[in-house]
Amino acid sequence: MPLDSTTGGAKAAKLYRMVMPDHVCPYGLKAKALLERKGYAIEDHPLRTHDETEAFQEREGVETTPQVWIGGERIGGYDELREFFGEHVKDEGETTYRPVIAIFAVAALMAIAVSWAAALPAVRTFELFIAFGMTLLGLQKLQDVESFSTMFLNYDLLARREVRYGYVYPYAETGAGLLMIAGALIWLAAPIALFIGTVGAVSVFKAVYVEKRELKCACVGGGSNVPLGFISLTENLMMILMAIWMPLRMWLGA
C-alpha cells in the first residue's frame, strides 16, 4: 500500500471535507472514521465555507466532497475509499433481501419477547410471529401508499383489474395483522387475510414461476429492491395459513 511522504513514511491520509456552521458532511465523518479504523493518521482539512469548498473543487477538478488522498494518490470520496479497502459498496439498483429479512427477524424477536413476558404457549408465539410480520410489512407499505400501489400494479392480478385495490391492500394487511395480534374479531381478520393472501399468492406464482418475469416486490414498500419471488410468495402463504388456523383453533377451543 502506498505511503504518504508527508509523514515520513507513516501510514497516513489527507482528508478534505465540509465542516460548516450549518452543515457537517456526514460522508466526511464516515470517511474519517473509516480511516481511523484502518489505523491511518489523518491530515484533516475542514472546508468551512461554501467559497472555500468551491475553490477546492475547482482547484482539484472534483465535483464532490469528501476527497481522500493516500500516498499522494487521490482515492476519491467515501464510496471509493470503501472500495479501496475492499469493502462492498451497494449499487443504487442492486437487489437485496435485507429489508424483508430484517422485518421477519424483528417479528420473530417481538413474538418471543411477548410470549416470554406473558408466559404464552409455543403455538401462540408462532401466531404472533406471523401477525407481527403482517403488521410490520403493512407498515412499510403505509409509509408511501402511492409508491406501493404503482409497484403492486406490475404483478397483482386484482389490482390490474381494480386499481383502487392497491390503495386498500396496505390497510387490509395491517388491520388483519393487528386483529390477529389481539386475537379479536377473527371472524373479520381471517377472511381479509385469506382473500389478500390467496390473490397475492396466485399473482406472484403466475408472474414469477409461469411467466418467468424478473420484477421487484412491493412487499416492503414501493421503493424496495427486494426481488419478487419466494419471499413474496411466503408472505402470502403465511397469511393464508393464519386465516385458516386461527378460526380452526378457536373452534376447537385450543
Protein backbone atom coordinates (compact mmCIF):
# COMPACT_ATOMS: atom_id res chain seq x y z
CA MET A 1 0.00 0.00 0.00
CA PRO A 2 1.42 3.45 -0.90
CA LEU A 3 2.81 5.56 1.95
CA ASP A 4 2.34 9.32 2.34
CA SER A 5 5.71 11.03 2.20
CA THR A 6 4.41 13.99 4.21
CA THR A 7 4.58 11.92 7.38
CA GLY A 8 7.97 10.35 6.84
CA GLY A 9 6.62 7.02 5.63
CA ALA A 10 3.88 6.67 8.21
CA LYS A 11 0.51 5.19 7.31
CA ALA A 12 -1.28 8.47 6.63
CA ALA A 13 -4.03 10.05 4.60
CA LYS A 14 -5.25 13.52 3.68
CA LEU A 15 -8.94 14.26 4.02
CA TYR A 16 -10.84 17.27 2.70
CA ARG A 17 -14.40 17.56 3.98
CA MET A 18 -17.11 20.15 4.58
CA VAL A 19 -17.35 21.37 8.17
CA MET A 20 -19.63 24.42 8.05
CA PRO A 21 -21.65 26.08 10.84
CA ASP A 22 -24.91 24.88 9.27
CA HIS A 23 -23.71 21.63 7.69
CA VAL A 24 -21.16 18.94 8.57
CA CYS A 25 -20.86 16.45 5.73
CA PRO A 26 -21.92 13.00 7.03
CA TYR A 27 -19.82 11.22 4.42
CA GLY A 28 -16.81 13.21 5.57
CA LEU A 29 -17.39 11.93 9.09
CA LYS A 30 -17.78 8.38 7.77
CA ALA A 31 -14.57 8.66 5.74
CA LYS A 32 -12.68 9.97 8.78
CA ALA A 33 -14.00 7.16 10.97
CA LEU A 34 -13.12 4.53 8.36
CA LEU A 35 -9.57 5.82 8.02
CA GLU A 36 -9.19 5.81 11.81
CA ARG A 37 -10.45 2.21 11.98
CA LYS A 38 -7.86 1.24 9.39
CA GLY A 39 -5.10 2.79 11.51
CA TYR A 40 -4.36 5.87 9.42
CA ALA A 41 -3.05 9.15 10.77
CA ILE A 42 -5.32 11.74 9.18
CA GLU A 43 -4.27 15.13 7.91
CA ASP A 44 -7.72 16.68 8.21
CA HIS A 45 -8.59 19.70 6.05
CA PRO A 46 -12.04 21.04 7.02
CA LEU A 47 -13.70 23.25 4.39
CA ARG A 48 -15.56 25.80 6.47
CA THR A 49 -17.36 27.93 3.85
CA HIS A 50 -19.09 27.43 0.51
CA ASP A 51 -16.47 29.62 -1.19
CA GLU A 52 -13.67 27.54 0.29
CA THR A 53 -15.38 24.34 -0.85
CA GLU A 54 -15.95 25.61 -4.38
CA ALA A 55 -12.34 26.82 -4.63
CA PHE A 56 -11.09 23.39 -3.51
CA GLN A 57 -13.30 21.57 -6.03
CA GLU A 58 -12.18 23.84 -8.86
CA ARG A 59 -8.51 23.52 -7.93
CA GLU A 60 -8.59 19.71 -7.73
CA GLY A 61 -11.04 19.16 -10.59
CA VAL A 62 -13.59 17.33 -8.45
CA GLU A 63 -17.34 17.82 -8.08
CA THR A 64 -17.97 16.43 -4.61
CA THR A 65 -16.55 16.21 -1.13
CA PRO A 66 -15.17 14.50 0.88
CA GLN A 67 -11.98 13.67 -1.01
CA VAL A 68 -9.23 11.42 0.29
CA TRP A 69 -5.56 11.14 -0.70
CA ILE A 70 -3.36 8.21 0.34
CA GLY A 71 0.29 8.04 -0.62
CA GLY A 72 -0.09 11.12 -2.79
CA GLU A 73 -2.80 9.40 -4.86
CA ARG A 74 -6.37 10.67 -4.87
CA ILE A 75 -8.68 7.87 -3.81
CA GLY A 76 -11.94 9.81 -4.13
CA GLY A 77 -14.99 10.05 -1.91
CA TYR A 78 -16.40 7.77 0.78
CA ASP A 79 -17.61 5.03 -1.60
CA GLU A 80 -14.28 4.98 -3.44
CA LEU A 81 -12.49 4.80 -0.09
CA ARG A 82 -14.54 1.75 0.89
CA GLU A 83 -13.70 0.12 -2.44
CA PHE A 84 -10.01 0.93 -1.84
CA PHE A 85 -10.19 -1.06 1.39
CA GLY A 86 -12.01 -3.93 -0.31
CA GLU A 87 -15.44 -3.26 1.20
CA HIS A 88 -18.60 -3.92 -0.78
CA VAL A 89 -20.42 -0.80 -1.99
CA LYS A 90 -24.04 -1.44 -2.88
CA ASP A 91 -25.22 -0.12 -6.24
CA GLU A 92 -28.35 2.03 -6.21
CA GLY A 93 -30.40 -0.56 -8.10
CA GLU A 94 -28.87 -3.66 -6.51
CA THR A 95 -31.38 -6.25 -5.37
CA THR A 96 -31.34 -7.27 -1.72
CA TYR A 97 -33.34 -9.37 0.71
CA ARG A 98 -32.10 -7.40 3.72
CA PRO A 99 -35.31 -5.37 4.36
CA VAL A 100 -37.64 -8.36 4.44
CA ILE A 101 -35.17 -10.49 6.42
CA ALA A 102 -34.91 -7.68 8.98
CA ILE A 103 -38.71 -7.48 9.26
CA PHE A 104 -39.17 -11.21 9.77
CA ALA A 105 -36.29 -11.32 12.25
CA VAL A 106 -37.74 -8.45 14.31
CA ALA A 107 -41.21 -10.02 14.12
CA ALA A 108 -39.80 -13.27 15.49
CA LEU A 109 -37.97 -11.49 18.31
CA MET A 110 -41.09 -9.48 19.20
CA ALA A 111 -43.17 -12.67 19.31
CA ILE A 112 -40.61 -14.38 21.54
CA ALA A 113 -40.38 -11.32 23.81
CA VAL A 114 -44.16 -11.04 24.26
CA SER A 115 -44.56 -14.78 24.77
CA TRP A 116 -41.76 -14.80 27.35
CA ALA A 117 -43.26 -11.88 29.27
CA ALA A 118 -46.79 -13.30 29.21
CA ALA A 119 -45.80 -16.99 29.50
CA LEU A 120 -47.71 -17.85 26.33
CA PRO A 121 -47.68 -21.32 24.73
CA ALA A 122 -45.48 -22.03 21.72
CA VAL A 123 -48.42 -22.07 19.32
CA ARG A 124 -49.31 -18.50 20.29
CA THR A 125 -45.68 -17.47 19.74
CA PHE A 126 -45.91 -18.73 16.16
CA GLU A 127 -49.22 -16.91 15.65
CA LEU A 128 -47.71 -13.68 16.97
CA PHE A 129 -44.70 -14.08 14.71
CA ILE A 130 -46.89 -14.15 11.60
CA ALA A 131 -49.21 -11.43 12.89
CA PHE A 132 -46.30 -9.14 13.79
CA GLY A 133 -44.76 -9.86 10.37
CA MET A 134 -48.01 -8.89 8.62
CA THR A 135 -48.28 -5.68 10.63
CA LEU A 136 -44.66 -4.65 10.03
CA LEU A 137 -44.92 -5.39 6.31
CA GLY A 138 -48.15 -3.41 6.18
CA LEU A 139 -46.46 -0.52 7.96
CA GLN A 140 -43.74 -0.45 5.30
CA LYS A 141 -46.40 -0.12 2.61
CA LEU A 142 -48.31 2.56 4.53
CA GLN A 143 -45.27 4.86 4.51
CA ASP A 144 -45.91 5.59 0.83
CA VAL A 145 -49.15 4.04 -0.40
CA GLU A 146 -48.91 5.77 -3.77
CA SER A 147 -45.48 4.33 -4.50
CA PHE A 148 -46.54 0.89 -3.25
CA SER A 149 -49.67 0.81 -5.41
CA THR A 150 -47.63 1.69 -8.50
CA MET A 151 -45.15 -1.17 -7.98
CA PHE A 152 -48.01 -3.50 -6.98
CA LEU A 153 -49.63 -2.99 -10.39
CA ASN A 154 -46.67 -4.70 -12.05
CA TYR A 155 -47.85 -8.13 -10.96
CA ASP A 156 -51.03 -8.22 -8.82
CA LEU A 157 -53.91 -9.60 -10.87
CA LEU A 158 -56.73 -7.94 -8.92
CA ALA A 159 -55.03 -4.54 -8.73
CA ARG A 160 -54.70 -4.57 -12.51
CA ARG A 161 -58.45 -5.03 -12.82
CA GLU A 162 -59.34 -2.68 -9.97
CA VAL A 163 -56.61 -0.10 -9.33
CA ARG A 164 -58.13 1.02 -6.01
CA TYR A 165 -57.32 -2.40 -4.55
CA GLY A 166 -53.66 -1.38 -4.49
CA TYR A 167 -54.55 1.52 -2.19
CA VAL A 168 -56.68 -0.66 0.11
CA TYR A 169 -54.21 -3.53 0.44
CA PRO A 170 -51.78 -1.92 2.96
CA TYR A 171 -54.64 -1.05 5.32
CA ALA A 172 -56.16 -4.51 4.96
CA GLU A 173 -52.89 -6.31 5.71
CA THR A 174 -52.04 -4.07 8.67
CA GLY A 175 -55.57 -4.25 10.08
CA ALA A 176 -55.76 -8.03 9.81
CA GLY A 177 -52.35 -8.35 11.47
CA LEU A 178 -53.36 -6.11 14.38
CA LEU A 179 -56.59 -8.04 14.96
CA MET A 180 -54.66 -11.31 14.96
CA ILE A 181 -52.18 -9.91 17.49
CA ALA A 182 -55.11 -9.00 19.73
CA GLY A 183 -56.94 -12.26 19.00
CA ALA A 184 -60.03 -10.14 18.37
CA LEU A 185 -62.62 -10.10 15.58
CA ILE A 186 -61.04 -13.13 13.95
CA TRP A 187 -64.27 -13.58 12.00
CA LEU A 188 -63.25 -10.37 10.19
CA ALA A 189 -59.44 -10.69 10.18
CA ALA A 190 -59.37 -14.24 8.83
CA PRO A 191 -61.43 -13.63 5.65
CA ILE A 192 -59.40 -10.48 4.90
CA ALA A 193 -56.09 -12.33 5.29
CA LEU A 194 -57.38 -15.31 3.29
CA PHE A 195 -58.56 -13.09 0.43
CA ILE A 196 -55.49 -10.88 0.05
CA GLY A 197 -53.15 -13.80 0.70
CA THR A 198 -54.77 -16.01 -1.95
CA VAL A 199 -54.87 -13.26 -4.58
CA GLY A 200 -51.27 -12.38 -3.77
CA ALA A 201 -50.02 -15.97 -3.93
CA VAL A 202 -51.69 -16.61 -7.29
CA SER A 203 -50.36 -13.31 -8.67
CA VAL A 204 -46.78 -13.94 -7.55
CA PHE A 205 -46.81 -17.55 -8.75
CA LYS A 206 -48.11 -16.52 -12.17
CA ALA A 207 -45.64 -13.64 -12.61
CA VAL A 208 -42.53 -15.44 -11.35
CA TYR A 209 -42.98 -19.14 -11.97
CA VAL A 210 -45.29 -19.18 -15.01
CA GLU A 211 -44.37 -16.01 -16.91
CA LYS A 212 -40.74 -16.04 -15.64
CA ARG A 213 -40.74 -12.26 -15.15
CA GLU A 214 -37.98 -10.53 -13.15
CA LEU A 215 -39.73 -7.92 -11.01
CA LYS A 216 -39.23 -6.03 -7.77
CA CYS A 217 -41.55 -6.93 -4.91
CA ALA A 218 -43.74 -4.29 -3.31
CA CYS A 219 -43.88 -6.34 -0.08
CA VAL A 220 -41.71 -3.86 1.84
CA GLY A 221 -42.96 -0.75 0.10
CA GLY A 222 -42.77 0.86 -3.31
CA GLY A 223 -39.12 1.87 -3.15
CA SER A 224 -37.65 -1.53 -2.36
CA ASN A 225 -35.13 -3.58 -4.32
CA VAL A 226 -36.39 -6.92 -2.99
CA PRO A 227 -36.84 -9.40 -5.88
CA LEU A 228 -40.32 -10.78 -6.45
CA GLY A 229 -40.23 -14.49 -5.80
CA PHE A 230 -40.07 -16.99 -2.94
CA ILE A 231 -40.09 -14.38 -0.16
CA SER A 232 -43.16 -12.67 -1.63
CA LEU A 233 -44.92 -16.00 -2.02
CA THR A 234 -44.06 -16.91 1.57
CA GLU A 235 -45.67 -13.68 2.85
CA ASN A 236 -48.93 -14.60 1.15
CA LEU A 237 -48.84 -18.26 2.20
CA MET A 238 -48.31 -17.20 5.82
CA MET A 239 -51.43 -15.04 5.65
CA ILE A 240 -53.42 -17.95 4.19
CA LEU A 241 -52.12 -20.26 6.92
CA MET A 242 -53.14 -17.83 9.67
CA ALA A 243 -56.54 -17.23 8.09
CA ILE A 244 -57.26 -20.96 8.23
CA TRP A 245 -55.53 -21.79 11.52
CA MET A 246 -56.87 -19.11 13.88
CA PRO A 247 -60.61 -19.75 13.33
CA LEU A 248 -59.92 -23.50 13.46
CA ARG A 249 -58.05 -23.16 16.76
CA MET A 250 -60.83 -21.09 18.27
CA TRP A 251 -63.45 -23.56 17.06
CA LEU A 252 -61.52 -26.45 18.59
CA GLY A 253 -61.04 -24.45 21.77
CA ALA A 254 -57.27 -24.87 21.67
